Each structure stands twice: as structure tokens, then as C-alpha cells.
Amino acid sequence: MQIEANGKTIELSEAGWLENLDEWTPEVAVEIARNEKVELTDEHWDIINLARELFEEHGKVCEPRAFSKHMKKRYGTDRSDSRYIYALFPYGLIKSANKIAGLPRPKGCS
């Protein structure tokens, strides 16, 4: 699977995950989101940016429960539970938000 972003052809896995994590840009995120049928808003970008920040700090994708704690600390209770994340990313943090954020696909995730 391929997408076009920044005048380049970007390779995605069959499931839509970025093959080369170094090719991620906000423009790539928009194209991946389009494939996921997600229109990105500022609230989406808050989650995407936090997911990328935590990945850079810890070297791994953050588990949903830990991610919710980080969301609560940064954005408050109203924006930290799984219902909030699923309202923005219908397939959830792992399958949708992390994919759009250009993070590695966790084992066992399609």
C-alpha cells in the first residue's frame, strides 16, 4: 500500500502502518488518517503529539492505561478516558492513533 505526501511516495504495510518510521511528517499523518476515515482536529493532534513524545522518551508505544494517565495529567479528566479517545479514533489508541502518529505496530495488532 502507498500514499502520496510531501511530493513523495510513502510505503505502508498492507494494514496501513508506516513501513519507514523516519518518513513520518504531519502531512503523512493526514494521509494515513484519511485512509482511516479520520479527519484530524486539534484534539486529534494533542493525542498524536503526546503519543509521539512518549514514544521518543521511552522507546516504546505507550499502553492505553498509562497513556490515559498522561492525558489526565496534561489535559484533565474530561480528556483522559478511553471513551474520549475512541470518540476521536474509532479503532482506539493502539490501532488508530498510533498508526496515524507513525509509531511502530505493536505485536499482535492488525
PDB file of N, CA and C in Angstrom:
ATOM      1  N   MET A   1       0.853  -1.164   0.000  1.00  0.00           N
ATOM      2  CA  MET A   1       0.000   0.000   0.000  1.00  0.00           C
ATOM      3  C   MET A   1       0.905   1.235   0.000  1.00  0.00           C
ATOM      4  N   GLN A   2       0.466   2.274  -0.680  1.00  0.00           N
ATOM      5  CA  GLN A   2       1.247   3.508  -0.762  1.00  0.00           C
ATOM      6  C   GLN A   2       0.339   4.717  -0.584  1.00  0.00           C
ATOM      7  N   ILE A   3       0.941   5.814  -0.109  1.00  0.00           N
ATOM      8  CA  ILE A   3       0.270   7.106  -0.075  1.00  0.00           C
ATOM      9  C   ILE A   3       1.224   8.130  -0.670  1.00  0.00           C
ATOM     10  N   GLU A   4       0.673   9.252  -1.069  1.00  0.00           N
ATOM     11  CA  GLU A   4       1.472  10.378  -1.555  1.00  0.00           C
ATOM     12  C   GLU A   4       1.427  11.479  -0.505  1.00  0.00           C
ATOM     13  N   ALA A   5       2.597  11.983  -0.117  1.00  0.00           N
ATOM     14  CA  ALA A   5       2.686  13.084   0.838  1.00  0.00           C
ATOM     15  C   ALA A   5       4.007  13.799   0.614  1.00  0.00           C
ATOM     16  N   ASN A   6       3.980  15.100   0.690  1.00  0.00           N
ATOM     17  CA  ASN A   6       5.195  15.906   0.522  1.00  0.00           C
ATOM     18  C   ASN A   6       5.870  15.640  -0.818  1.00  0.00           C
ATOM     19  N   GLY A   7       5.079  15.301  -1.842  1.00  0.00           N
ATOM     20  CA  GLY A   7       5.644  15.023  -3.157  1.00  0.00           C
ATOM     21  C   GLY A   7       6.392  13.712  -3.235  1.00  0.00           C
ATOM     22  N   LYS A   8       6.219  12.847  -2.232  1.00  0.00           N
ATOM     23  CA  LYS A   8       6.909  11.558  -2.198  1.00  0.00           C
ATOM     24  C   LYS A   8       5.894  10.433  -2.093  1.00  0.00           C
ATOM     25  N   THR A   9       6.299   9.280  -2.571  1.00  0.00           N
ATOM     26  CA  THR A   9       5.511   8.074  -2.372  1.00  0.00           C
ATOM     27  C   THR A   9       5.989   7.423  -1.084  1.00  0.00           C
ATOM     28  N   ILE A  10       5.064   7.187  -0.181  1.00  0.00           N
ATOM     29  CA  ILE A  10       5.367   6.623   1.134  1.00  0.00           C
ATOM     30  C   ILE A  10       4.782   5.214   1.194  1.00  0.00           C
ATOM     31  N   GLU A  11       5.612   4.260   1.599  1.00  0.00           N
ATOM     32  CA  GLU A  11       5.181   2.862   1.688  1.00  0.00           C
ATOM     33  C   GLU A  11       4.505   2.588   3.035  1.00  0.00           C
ATOM     34  N   LEU A  12       3.356   1.930   2.954  1.00  0.00           N
ATOM     35  CA  LEU A  12       2.636   1.478   4.137  1.00  0.00           C
ATOM     36  C   LEU A  12       2.504  -0.034   4.077  1.00  0.00           C
ATOM     37  N   SER A  13       2.352  -0.646   5.233  1.00  0.00           N
ATOM     38  CA  SER A  13       2.087  -2.087   5.263  1.00  0.00           C
ATOM     39  C   SER A  13       0.693  -2.338   4.697  1.00  0.00           C
ATOM     40  N   GLU A  14       0.378  -3.587   4.498  1.00  0.00           N
ATOM     41  CA  GLU A  14      -0.946  -3.950   4.000  1.00  0.00           C
ATOM     42  C   GLU A  14      -2.047  -3.441   4.932  1.00  0.00           C
ATOM     43  N   ALA A  15      -1.759  -3.369   6.225  1.00  0.00           N
ATOM     44  CA  ALA A  15      -2.727  -2.893   7.218  1.00  0.00           C
ATOM     45  C   ALA A  15      -2.688  -1.375   7.392  1.00  0.00           C
ATOM     46  N   GLY A  16      -1.804  -0.677   6.645  1.00  0.00           N
ATOM     47  CA  GLY A  16      -1.763   0.776   6.681  1.00  0.00           C
ATOM     48  C   GLY A  16      -0.765   1.391   7.639  1.00  0.00           C
ATOM     49  N   TRP A  17       0.135   0.593   8.214  1.00  0.00           N
ATOM     50  CA  TRP A  17       1.170   1.110   9.119  1.00  0.00           C
ATOM     51  C   TRP A  17       2.365   1.594   8.303  1.00  0.00           C
ATOM     52  N   LEU A  18       2.985   2.661   8.755  1.00  0.00           N
ATOM     53  CA  LEU A  18       4.157   3.225   8.099  1.00  0.00           C
ATOM     54  C   LEU A  18       5.299   2.208   8.104  1.00  0.00           C
ATOM     55  N   GLU A  19       5.867   1.939   6.935  1.00  0.00           N
ATOM     56  CA  GLU A  19       6.976   0.975   6.833  1.00  0.00           C
ATOM     57  C   GLU A  19       8.281   1.568   7.358  1.00  0.00           C
ATOM     58  N   ASN A  20       8.545   2.837   7.042  1.00  0.00           N
ATOM     59  CA  ASN A  20       9.766   3.510   7.483  1.00  0.00           C
ATOM     60  C   ASN A  20       9.357   4.646   8.416  1.00  0.00           C
ATOM     61  N   LEU A  21       9.555   4.462   9.712  1.00  0.00           N
ATOM     62  CA  LEU A  21       9.103   5.441  10.700  1.00  0.00           C
ATOM     63  C   LEU A  21       9.730   6.813  10.497  1.00  0.00           C
ATOM     64  N   ASP A  22      10.904   6.869   9.889  1.00  0.00           N
ATOM     65  CA  ASP A  22      11.581   8.148   9.657  1.00  0.00           C
ATOM     66  C   ASP A  22      10.882   8.997   8.599  1.00  0.00           C
ATOM     67  N   GLU A  23       9.962   8.420   7.852  1.00  0.00           N
ATOM     68  CA  GLU A  23       9.252   9.175   6.816  1.00  0.00           C
ATOM     69  C   GLU A  23       8.025   9.905   7.355  1.00  0.00           C
ATOM     70  N   TRP A  24       7.741   9.751   8.647  1.00  0.00           N
ATOM     71  CA  TRP A  24       6.557  10.396   9.215  1.00  0.00           C
ATOM     72  C   TRP A  24       6.715  11.907   9.203  1.00  0.00           C
ATOM     73  N   THR A  25       5.671  12.589   8.789  1.00  0.00           N
ATOM     74  CA  THR A  25       5.530  14.039   8.887  1.00  0.00           C
ATOM     75  C   THR A  25       4.059  14.305   9.191  1.00  0.00           C
ATOM     76  N   PRO A  26       3.716  15.512   9.604  1.00  0.00           N
ATOM     77  CA  PRO A  26       2.293  15.812   9.786  1.00  0.00           C
ATOM     78  C   PRO A  26       1.472  15.569   8.508  1.00  0.00           C
ATOM     79  N   GLU A  27       2.070  15.825   7.353  1.00  0.00           N
ATOM     80  CA  GLU A  27       1.360  15.587   6.088  1.00  0.00           C
ATOM     81  C   GLU A  27       1.113  14.093   5.868  1.00  0.00           C
ATOM     82  N   VAL A  28       2.074  13.271   6.246  1.00  0.00           N
ATOM     83  CA  VAL A  28       1.898  11.814   6.170  1.00  0.00           C
ATOM     84  C   VAL A  28       0.767  11.405   7.112  1.00  0.00           C
ATOM     85  N   ALA A  29       0.737  11.992   8.307  1.00  0.00           N
ATOM     86  CA  ALA A  29      -0.326  11.687   9.273  1.00  0.00           C
ATOM     87  C   ALA A  29      -1.702  11.985   8.686  1.00  0.00           C
ATOM     88  N   VAL A  30      -1.820  13.104   7.991  1.00  0.00           N
ATOM     89  CA  VAL A  30      -3.105  13.470   7.378  1.00  0.00           C
ATOM     90  C   VAL A  30      -3.538  12.412   6.371  1.00  0.00           C
ATOM     91  N   GLU A  31      -2.601  11.917   5.578  1.00  0.00           N
ATOM     92  CA  GLU A  31      -2.933  10.894   4.570  1.00  0.00           C
ATOM     93  C   GLU A  31      -3.292   9.556   5.218  1.00  0.00           C
ATOM     94  N   ILE A  32      -2.558   9.169   6.249  1.00  0.00           N
ATOM     95  CA  ILE A  32      -2.897   7.927   6.957  1.00  0.00           C
ATOM     96  C   ILE A  32      -4.276   8.074   7.605  1.00  0.00           C
ATOM     97  N   ALA A  33      -4.528   9.233   8.209  1.00  0.00           N
ATOM     98  CA  ALA A  33      -5.836   9.487   8.824  1.00  0.00           C
ATOM     99  C   ALA A  33      -6.947   9.399   7.783  1.00  0.00           C
ATOM    100  N   ARG A  34      -6.702   9.929   6.613  1.00  0.00           N
ATOM    101  CA  ARG A  34      -7.701   9.859   5.541  1.00  0.00           C
ATOM    102  C   ARG A  34      -8.025   8.397   5.231  1.00  0.00           C
ATOM    103  N   ASN A  35      -7.009   7.553   5.178  1.00  0.00           N
ATOM    104  CA  ASN A  35      -7.230   6.114   4.953  1.00  0.00           C
ATOM    105  C   ASN A  35      -8.033   5.483   6.088  1.00  0.00           C
ATOM    106  N   GLU A  36      -7.873   6.023   7.293  1.00  0.00           N
ATOM    107  CA  GLU A  36      -8.586   5.513   8.471  1.00  0.00           C
ATOM    108  C   GLU A  36      -9.963   6.160   8.623  1.00  0.00           C
ATOM    109  N   LYS A  37     -10.304   7.062   7.716  1.00  0.00           N
ATOM    110  CA  LYS A  37     -11.582   7.793   7.763  1.00  0.00           C
ATOM    111  C   LYS A  37     -11.672   8.680   9.015  1.00  0.00           C
ATOM    112  N   VAL A  38     -10.550   9.311   9.349  1.00  0.00           N
ATOM    113  CA  VAL A  38     -10.470  10.218  10.492  1.00  0.00           C
ATOM    114  C   VAL A  38     -10.054  11.589   9.976  1.00  0.00           C
ATOM    115  N   GLU A  39     -10.853  12.606  10.295  1.00  0.00           N
ATOM    116  CA  GLU A  39     -10.499  13.982   9.951  1.00  0.00           C
ATOM    117  C   GLU A  39      -9.849  14.619  11.180  1.00  0.00           C
ATOM    118  N   LEU A  40      -8.582  14.983  11.047  1.00  0.00           N
ATOM    119  CA  LEU A  40      -7.806  15.441  12.200  1.00  0.00           C
ATOM    120  C   LEU A  40      -8.188  16.850  12.643  1.00  0.00           C
ATOM    121  N   THR A  41      -8.412  16.982  13.955  1.00  0.00           N
ATOM    122  CA  THR A  41      -8.677  18.266  14.600  1.00  0.00           C
ATOM    123  C   THR A  41      -7.545  18.536  15.597  1.00  0.00           C
ATOM    124  N   ASP A  42      -7.610  19.673  16.260  1.00  0.00           N
ATOM    125  CA  ASP A  42      -6.606  19.978  17.286  1.00  0.00           C
ATOM    126  C   ASP A  42      -6.595  18.921  18.388  1.00  0.00           C
ATOM    127  N   GLU A  43      -7.770  18.385  18.734  1.00  0.00           N
ATOM    128  CA  GLU A  43      -7.829  17.347  19.770  1.00  0.00           C
ATOM    129  C   GLU A  43      -7.114  16.073  19.316  1.00  0.00           C
ATOM    130  N   HIS A  44      -7.261  15.722  18.043  1.00  0.00           N
ATOM    131  CA  HIS A  44      -6.533  14.572  17.499  1.00  0.00           C
ATOM    132  C   HIS A  44      -5.025  14.818  17.590  1.00  0.00           C
ATOM    133  N   TRP A  45      -4.611  16.026  17.211  1.00  0.00           N
ATOM    134  CA  TRP A  45      -3.176  16.339  17.218  1.00  0.00           C
ATOM    135  C   TRP A  45      -2.598  16.294  18.626  1.00  0.00           C
ATOM    136  N   ASP A  46      -3.399  16.675  19.642  1.00  0.00           N
ATOM    137  CA  ASP A  46      -2.920  16.572  21.027  1.00  0.00           C
ATOM    138  C   ASP A  46      -2.552  15.127  21.354  1.00  0.00           C
ATOM    139  N   ILE A  47      -3.400  14.187  20.948  1.00  0.00           N
ATOM    140  CA  ILE A  47      -3.152  12.767  21.210  1.00  0.00           C
ATOM    141  C   ILE A  47      -1.974  12.266  20.386  1.00  0.00           C
ATOM    142  N   ILE A  48      -1.941  12.621  19.114  1.00  0.00           N
ATOM    143  CA  ILE A  48      -0.850  12.197  18.230  1.00  0.00           C
ATOM    144  C   ILE A  48       0.490  12.700  18.762  1.00  0.00           C
ATOM    145  N   ASN A  49       0.539  13.979  19.101  1.00  0.00           N
ATOM    146  CA  ASN A  49       1.798  14.559  19.579  1.00  0.00           C
ATOM    147  C   ASN A  49       2.237  13.958  20.912  1.00  0.00           C
ATOM    148  N   LEU A  50       1.286  13.704  21.815  1.00  0.00           N
ATOM    149  CA  LEU A  50       1.642  13.083  23.091  1.00  0.00           C
ATOM    150  C   LEU A  50       2.134  11.653  22.870  1.00  0.00           C
ATOM    151  N   ALA A  51       1.474  10.906  21.993  1.00  0.00           N
ATOM    152  CA  ALA A  51       1.904   9.531  21.701  1.00  0.00           C
ATOM    153  C   ALA A  51       3.331   9.520  21.155  1.00  0.00           C
ATOM    154  N   ARG A  52       3.633  10.448  20.245  1.00  0.00           N
ATOM    155  CA  ARG A  52       4.981  10.522  19.673  1.00  0.00           C
ATOM    156  C   ARG A  52       6.005  10.936  20.738  1.00  0.00           C
ATOM    157  N   GLU A  53       5.625  11.894  21.578  1.00  0.00           N
ATOM    158  CA  GLU A  53       6.518  12.361  22.646  1.00  0.00           C
ATOM    159  C   GLU A  53       6.851  11.216  23.611  1.00  0.00           C
ATOM    160  N   LEU A  54       5.840  10.464  24.017  1.00  0.00           N
ATOM    161  CA  LEU A  54       6.063   9.350  24.945  1.00  0.00           C
ATOM    162  C   LEU A  54       6.891   8.251  24.298  1.00  0.00           C
ATOM    163  N   PHE A  55       6.677   8.007  23.006  1.00  0.00           N
ATOM    164  CA  PHE A  55       7.474   7.009  22.299  1.00  0.00           C
ATOM    165  C   PHE A  55       8.946   7.431  22.272  1.00  0.00           C
ATOM    166  N   GLU A  56       9.194   8.706  21.993  1.00  0.00           N
ATOM    167  CA  GLU A  56      10.578   9.193  21.952  1.00  0.00           C
ATOM    168  C   GLU A  56      11.234   9.114  23.331  1.00  0.00           C
ATOM    169  N   GLU A  57      10.471   9.408  24.387  1.00  0.00           N
ATOM    170  CA  GLU A  57      11.013   9.368  25.747  1.00  0.00           C
ATOM    171  C   GLU A  57      11.321   7.951  26.211  1.00  0.00           C
ATOM    172  N   HIS A  58      10.431   7.000  25.879  1.00  0.00           N
ATOM    173  CA  HIS A  58      10.521   5.652  26.447  1.00  0.00           C
ATOM    174  C   HIS A  58      10.938   4.577  25.454  1.00  0.00           C
ATOM    175  N   GLY A  59      10.973   4.911  24.168  1.00  0.00           N
ATOM    176  CA  GLY A  59      11.408   3.943  23.162  1.00  0.00           C
ATOM    177  C   GLY A  59      10.418   2.841  22.856  1.00  0.00           C
ATOM    178  N   LYS A  60       9.183   3.018  23.305  1.00  0.00           N
ATOM    179  CA  LYS A  60       8.140   2.031  23.007  1.00  0.00           C
ATOM    180  C   LYS A  60       6.781   2.728  22.991  1.00  0.00           C
ATOM    181  N   VAL A  61       5.831   2.064  22.364  1.00  0.00           N
ATOM    182  CA  VAL A  61       4.467   2.582  22.303  1.00  0.00           C
ATOM    183  C   VAL A  61       3.850   2.476  23.695  1.00  0.00           C
ATOM    184  N   CYS A  62       3.190   3.531  24.119  1.00  0.00           N
ATOM    185  CA  CYS A  62       2.584   3.581  25.448  1.00  0.00           C
ATOM    186  C   CYS A  62       1.303   2.737  25.484  1.00  0.00           C
ATOM    187  N   GLU A  63       1.159   1.937  26.513  1.00  0.00           N
ATOM    188  CA  GLU A  63      -0.056   1.134  26.705  1.00  0.00           C
ATOM    189  C   GLU A  63      -1.234   2.063  27.013  1.00  0.00           C
ATOM    190  N   PRO A  64      -2.450   1.685  26.617  1.00  0.00           N
ATOM    191  CA  PRO A  64      -3.616   2.565  26.792  1.00  0.00           C
ATOM    192  C   PRO A  64      -3.824   3.078  28.219  1.00  0.00           C
ATOM    193  N   ARG A  65      -3.679   2.231  29.215  1.00  0.00           N
ATOM    194  CA  ARG A  65      -3.910   2.676  30.599  1.00  0.00           C
ATOM    195  C   ARG A  65      -2.887   3.738  31.012  1.00  0.00           C
ATOM    196  N   ALA A  66      -1.629   3.521  30.688  1.00  0.00           N
ATOM    197  CA  ALA A  66      -0.590   4.505  31.007  1.00  0.00           C
ATOM    198  C   ALA A  66      -0.805   5.780  30.202  1.00  0.00           C
ATOM    199  N   PHE A  67      -1.223   5.621  28.939  1.00  0.00           N
ATOM    200  CA  PHE A  67      -1.471   6.794  28.104  1.00  0.00           C
ATOM    201  C   PHE A  67      -2.583   7.648  28.710  1.00  0.00           C
ATOM    202  N   SER A  68      -3.636   7.015  29.200  1.00  0.00           N
ATOM    203  CA  SER A  68      -4.739   7.752  29.832  1.00  0.00           C
ATOM    204  C   SER A  68      -4.246   8.568  31.022  1.00  0.00           C
ATOM    205  N   LYS A  69      -3.315   8.014  31.788  1.00  0.00           N
ATOM    206  CA  LYS A  69      -2.753   8.751  32.925  1.00  0.00           C
ATOM    207  C   LYS A  69      -1.998   9.991  32.456  1.00  0.00           C
ATOM    208  N   HIS A  70      -1.242   9.848  31.367  1.00  0.00           N
ATOM    209  CA  HIS A  70      -0.523  11.002  30.818  1.00  0.00           C
ATOM    210  C   HIS A  70      -1.507  12.045  30.286  1.00  0.00           C
ATOM    211  N   MET A  71      -2.571  11.590  29.638  1.00  0.00           N
ATOM    212  CA  MET A  71      -3.595  12.516  29.136  1.00  0.00           C
ATOM    213  C   MET A  71      -4.241  13.271  30.295  1.00  0.00           C
ATOM    214  N   LYS A  72      -4.568  12.558  31.364  1.00  0.00           N
ATOM    215  CA  LYS A  72      -5.207  13.187  32.523  1.00  0.00           C
ATOM    216  C   LYS A  72      -4.299  14.248  33.126  1.00  0.00           C
ATOM    217  N   LYS A  73      -3.031  13.926  33.247  1.00  0.00           N
ATOM    218  CA  LYS A  73      -2.063  14.866  33.826  1.00  0.00           C
ATOM    219  C   LYS A  73      -1.938  16.128  32.969  1.00  0.00           C
ATOM    220  N   ARG A  74      -1.926  15.947  31.651  1.00  0.00           N
ATOM    221  CA  ARG A  74      -1.716  17.075  30.754  1.00  0.00           C
ATOM    222  C   ARG A  74      -3.002  17.834  30.421  1.00  0.00           C
ATOM    223  N   TYR A  75      -4.111  17.107  30.223  1.00  0.00           N
ATOM    224  CA  TYR A  75      -5.328  17.739  29.700  1.00  0.00           C
ATOM    225  C   TYR A  75      -6.537  17.652  30.622  1.00  0.00           C
ATOM    226  N   GLY A  76      -6.424  16.936  31.732  1.00  0.00           N
ATOM    227  CA  GLY A  76      -7.537  16.844  32.670  1.00  0.00           C
ATOM    228  C   GLY A  76      -8.385  15.593  32.473  1.00  0.00           C
ATOM    229  N   THR A  77      -9.259  15.374  33.433  1.00  0.00           N
ATOM    230  CA  THR A  77     -10.080  14.165  33.478  1.00  0.00           C
ATOM    231  C   THR A  77     -10.986  14.021  32.263  1.00  0.00           C
ATOM    232  N   ASP A  78     -11.561  15.113  31.789  1.00  0.00           N
ATOM    233  CA  ASP A  78     -12.511  15.044  30.671  1.00  0.00           C
ATOM    234  C   ASP A  78     -11.887  14.512  29.387  1.00  0.00           C
ATOM    235  N   ARG A  79     -10.590  14.620  29.257  1.00  0.00           N
ATOM    236  CA  ARG A  79      -9.931  14.212  28.014  1.00  0.00           C
ATOM    237  C   ARG A  79      -8.996  13.020  28.211  1.00  0.00           C
ATOM    238  N   SER A  80      -9.269  12.216  29.237  1.00  0.00           N
ATOM    239  CA  SER A  80      -8.300  11.163  29.531  1.00  0.00           C
ATOM    240  C   SER A  80      -8.839   9.739  29.468  1.00  0.00           C
ATOM    241  N   ASP A  81     -10.137   9.553  29.377  1.00  0.00           N
ATOM    242  CA  ASP A  81     -10.629   8.172  29.408  1.00  0.00           C
ATOM    243  C   ASP A  81     -10.717   7.571  28.008  1.00  0.00           C
ATOM    244  N   SER A  82     -10.910   6.271  27.974  1.00  0.00           N
ATOM    245  CA  SER A  82     -10.925   5.565  26.685  1.00  0.00           C
ATOM    246  C   SER A  82     -12.093   6.000  25.811  1.00  0.00           C
ATOM    247  N   ARG A  83     -13.216   6.388  26.405  1.00  0.00           N
ATOM    248  CA  ARG A  83     -14.359   6.855  25.591  1.00  0.00           C
ATOM    249  C   ARG A  83     -13.977   8.087  24.778  1.00  0.00           C
ATOM    250  N   TYR A  84     -13.237   8.986  25.406  1.00  0.00           N
ATOM    251  CA  TYR A  84     -12.792  10.197  24.713  1.00  0.00           C
ATOM    252  C   TYR A  84     -11.898   9.827  23.527  1.00  0.00           C
ATOM    253  N   ILE A  85     -10.943   8.948  23.766  1.00  0.00           N
ATOM    254  CA  ILE A  85     -10.017   8.550  22.699  1.00  0.00           C
ATOM    255  C   ILE A  85     -10.756   7.816  21.584  1.00  0.00           C
ATOM    256  N   TYR A  86     -11.670   6.913  21.943  1.00  0.00           N
ATOM    257  CA  TYR A  86     -12.436   6.185  20.924  1.00  0.00           C
ATOM    258  C   TYR A  86     -13.379   7.100  20.149  1.00  0.00           C
ATOM    259  N   ALA A  87     -13.844   8.180  20.768  1.00  0.00           N
ATOM    260  CA  ALA A  87     -14.691   9.135  20.042  1.00  0.00           C
ATOM    261  C   ALA A  87     -13.898   9.815  18.927  1.00  0.00           C
ATOM    262  N   LEU A  88     -12.612  10.021  19.162  1.00  0.00           N
ATOM    263  CA  LEU A  88     -11.757  10.661  18.157  1.00  0.00           C
ATOM    264  C   LEU A  88     -11.155   9.647  17.188  1.00  0.00           C
ATOM    265  N   PHE A  89     -10.770   8.511  17.723  1.00  0.00           N
ATOM    266  CA  PHE A  89     -10.122   7.453  16.932  1.00  0.00           C
ATOM    267  C   PHE A  89     -10.953   6.176  17.089  1.00  0.00           C
ATOM    268  N   PRO A  90     -11.863   5.906  16.159  1.00  0.00           N
ATOM    269  CA  PRO A  90     -12.803   4.791  16.311  1.00  0.00           C
ATOM    270  C   PRO A  90     -12.158   3.431  16.566  1.00  0.00           C
ATOM    271  N   TYR A  91     -10.924   3.225  16.134  1.00  0.00           N
ATOM    272  CA  TYR A  91     -10.256   1.950  16.388  1.00  0.00           C
ATOM    273  C   TYR A  91      -9.337   2.026  17.602  1.00  0.00           C
ATOM    274  N   GLY A  92      -9.392   3.130  18.336  1.00  0.00           N
ATOM    275  CA  GLY A  92      -8.663   3.264  19.585  1.00  0.00           C
ATOM    276  C   GLY A  92      -7.238   3.760  19.448  1.00  0.00           C
ATOM    277  N   LEU A  93      -6.582   3.827  20.591  1.00  0.00           N
ATOM    278  CA  LEU A  93      -5.213   4.340  20.668  1.00  0.00           C
ATOM    279  C   LEU A  93      -4.247   3.470  19.883  1.00  0.00           C
ATOM    280  N   ILE A  94      -4.275   2.177  20.117  1.00  0.00           N
ATOM    281  CA  ILE A  94      -3.278   1.296  19.522  1.00  0.00           C
ATOM    282  C   ILE A  94      -3.479   1.168  18.019  1.00  0.00           C
ATOM    283  N   LYS A  95      -4.680   0.847  17.584  1.00  0.00           N
ATOM    284  CA  LYS A  95      -4.903   0.564  16.165  1.00  0.00           C
ATOM    285  C   LYS A  95      -5.015   1.808  15.306  1.00  0.00           C
ATOM    286  N   SER A  96      -5.446   2.919  15.852  1.00  0.00           N
ATOM    287  CA  SER A  96      -5.702   4.084  15.012  1.00  0.00           C
ATOM    288  C   SER A  96      -4.775   5.256  15.333  1.00  0.00           C
ATOM    289  N   ALA A  97      -4.776   5.717  16.572  1.00  0.00           N
ATOM    290  CA  ALA A  97      -3.972   6.895  16.915  1.00  0.00           C
ATOM    291  C   ALA A  97      -2.485   6.648  16.696  1.00  0.00           C
ATOM    292  N   ASN A  98      -1.987   5.504  17.144  1.00  0.00           N
ATOM    293  CA  ASN A  98      -0.562   5.222  16.969  1.00  0.00           C
ATOM    294  C   ASN A  98      -0.199   5.030  15.501  1.00  0.00           C
ATOM    295  N   LYS A  99      -1.104   4.463  14.738  1.00  0.00           N
ATOM    296  CA  LYS A  99      -0.854   4.295  13.296  1.00  0.00           C
ATOM    297  C   LYS A  99      -0.712   5.665  12.637  1.00  0.00           C
ATOM    298  N   ILE A 100      -1.632   6.570  12.946  1.00  0.00           N
ATOM    299  CA  ILE A 100      -1.597   7.917  12.371  1.00  0.00           C
ATOM    300  C   ILE A 100      -0.366   8.677  12.867  1.00  0.00           C
ATOM    301  N   ALA A 101       0.046   8.419  14.101  1.00  0.00           N
ATOM    302  CA  ALA A 101       1.226   9.071  14.681  1.00  0.00           C
ATOM    303  C   ALA A 101       2.533   8.531  14.114  1.00  0.00           C
ATOM    304  N   GLY A 102       2.445   7.516  13.264  1.00  0.00           N
ATOM    305  CA  GLY A 102       3.650   6.970  12.639  1.00  0.00           C
ATOM    306  C   GLY A 102       4.497   6.130  13.572  1.00  0.00           C
ATOM    307  N   LEU A 103       3.875   5.562  14.587  1.00  0.00           N
ATOM    308  CA  LEU A 103       4.596   4.738  15.554  1.00  0.00           C
ATOM    309  C   LEU A 103       4.595   3.282  15.105  1.00  0.00           C
ATOM    310  N   PRO A 104       5.492   2.474  15.656  1.00  0.00           N
ATOM    311  CA  PRO A 104       5.547   1.068  15.239  1.00  0.00           C
ATOM    312  C   PRO A 104       4.284   0.308  15.633  1.00  0.00           C
ATOM    313  N   ARG A 105       3.963  -0.656  14.825  1.00  0.00           N
ATOM    314  CA  ARG A 105       2.807  -1.512  15.093  1.00  0.00           C
ATOM    315  C   ARG A 105       3.154  -2.486  16.217  1.00  0.00           C
ATOM    316  N   PRO A 106       2.391  -2.453  17.319  1.00  0.00           N
ATOM    317  CA  PRO A 106       2.658  -3.391  18.406  1.00  0.00           C
ATOM    318  C   PRO A 106       2.398  -4.836  17.977  1.00  0.00           C
ATOM    319  N   LYS A 107       3.107  -5.764  18.573  1.00  0.00           N
ATOM    320  CA  LYS A 107       2.893  -7.184  18.272  1.00  0.00           C
ATOM    321  C   LYS A 107       1.443  -7.547  18.571  1.00  0.00           C
ATOM    322  N   GLY A 108       0.874  -8.358  17.704  1.00  0.00           N
ATOM    323  CA  GLY A 108      -0.495  -8.808  17.899  1.00  0.00           C
ATOM    324  C   GLY A 108      -1.544  -7.815  17.461  1.00  0.00           C
ATOM    325  N   CYS A 109      -1.135  -6.706  16.877  1.00  0.00           N
ATOM    326  CA  CYS A 109      -2.080  -5.686  16.428  1.00  0.00           C
ATOM    327  C   CYS A 109      -2.177  -5.742  14.916  1.00  0.00           C
ATOM    328  N   SER A 110      -3.393  -5.864  14.409  1.00  0.00           N
ATOM    329  CA  SER A 110      -3.562  -5.936  12.948  1.00  0.00           C
ATOM    330  C   SER A 110      -3.669  -4.561  12.333  1.00  0.00           C
TER     331      SER A 110
END
